[in-house]
Structure formats: structure tokens, C-alpha cells
Protein backbone atom coordinates (compact mmCIF):
# COMPACT_ATOMS: atom_id res chain seq x y z
CA MET A 1 -6.78 -4.28 40.41
CA SER A 2 -4.05 -1.95 41.40
CA ASN A 3 -3.02 1.15 39.53
CA SER A 4 -0.05 -0.54 37.87
CA GLU A 5 -2.19 -3.46 36.71
CA ASN A 6 -4.75 -1.08 35.22
CA ARG A 7 -1.96 0.76 33.46
CA ARG A 8 -0.55 -2.50 32.03
CA VAL A 9 -3.98 -3.53 30.75
CA ALA A 10 -4.52 -0.12 29.16
CA ILE A 11 -1.07 -0.20 27.53
CA THR A 12 -1.70 -3.73 26.22
CA GLN A 13 -5.03 -2.69 24.72
CA GLU A 14 -3.49 0.39 23.12
CA MET A 15 -0.61 -1.67 21.71
CA THR A 16 -3.11 -4.11 20.19
CA GLU A 17 -5.05 -1.25 18.58
CA LEU A 18 -1.87 0.36 17.27
CA GLN A 19 -0.65 -2.94 15.82
CA SER A 20 -3.97 -3.33 14.03
CA GLU A 21 -3.63 0.18 12.58
CA VAL A 22 -0.06 -0.53 11.48
CA ASP A 23 -1.21 -3.71 9.72
CA ASP A 24 -4.00 -1.82 7.94
CA LEU A 25 -1.61 0.93 6.86
CA ARG A 26 0.92 -1.63 5.62
CA LYS A 27 -1.77 -3.21 3.42
CA LEU A 28 -2.76 0.22 2.11
CA VAL A 29 0.84 1.16 1.29
CA ASN A 30 1.40 -2.14 -0.52
CA THR A 31 -1.78 -1.60 -2.53
CA LEU A 32 -0.78 1.95 -3.44
CA LEU A 33 2.72 0.87 -4.44
CA THR A 34 1.25 -1.83 -6.65
CA ILE A 35 -0.99 0.72 -8.36
CA ILE A 36 1.86 3.19 -8.81
CA MET A 37 4.15 0.53 -10.29
CA GLU A 38 1.64 -0.47 -12.97
CA GLU A 39 1.91 1.21 -16.35
CA ALA A 40 -0.78 3.85 -16.72
CA ASP A 41 -1.55 3.03 -20.35
CA GLY A 42 -0.95 -0.72 -20.28
CA VAL A 43 1.80 -0.61 -22.92
CA GLN A 44 4.17 -2.68 -20.83
CA SER A 45 1.66 -5.50 -20.49
CA GLY A 46 0.72 -5.30 -24.17
CA SER A 47 -2.95 -4.73 -23.42
CA ALA A 48 -3.12 -1.24 -24.94
CA PRO A 49 -2.68 -0.44 -28.61
CA VAL A 50 0.49 1.42 -29.55
CA HIS A 51 -0.19 4.63 -31.44
CA ALA A 52 1.51 5.15 -34.78
CA GLY A 53 4.81 6.97 -34.38
CA ALA A 54 4.96 6.41 -30.62
CA PRO A 55 8.35 5.41 -29.21
CA ARG A 56 8.39 1.81 -27.96
CA ALA A 57 11.25 1.85 -25.47
CA GLY A 58 10.28 2.40 -21.83
CA ILE A 59 7.99 5.39 -22.26
CA SER A 60 4.41 5.47 -21.09
CA MET A 61 1.72 8.12 -21.07
């Protein structure tokens, strides 16, 4: 192989590795955003008890 062919192969391999890393990071970001968007105390989903005297409109924690 010539120098330019070796360079193309190396660039292709690096691009494949970088694309894999980007895909992994995209999955991680989506997971983190999902976790952040969930209510911390479960009030929105109705799974947590509401304490007496607690406001019911859009407030968590």
C-alpha cells in the first residue's frame, strides 16, 4: 500500500471509532436527560404520598 492508501485506511478506522463514541455519548445524554426530567419525589406520577399542607401545583422536592 502506498502512503495515501495507509492514510485513508487510518482515517476510516478513526472515523469509525469516533462515530461509535458519538453514539455511546448520545445514548448517555438521552439517559441523563430522562433522569433529569423525572420528578425527584414522584409527585407528578402520583406514586409518592403528598404531605399535609404541601402545595399541589407544579412544585417538587
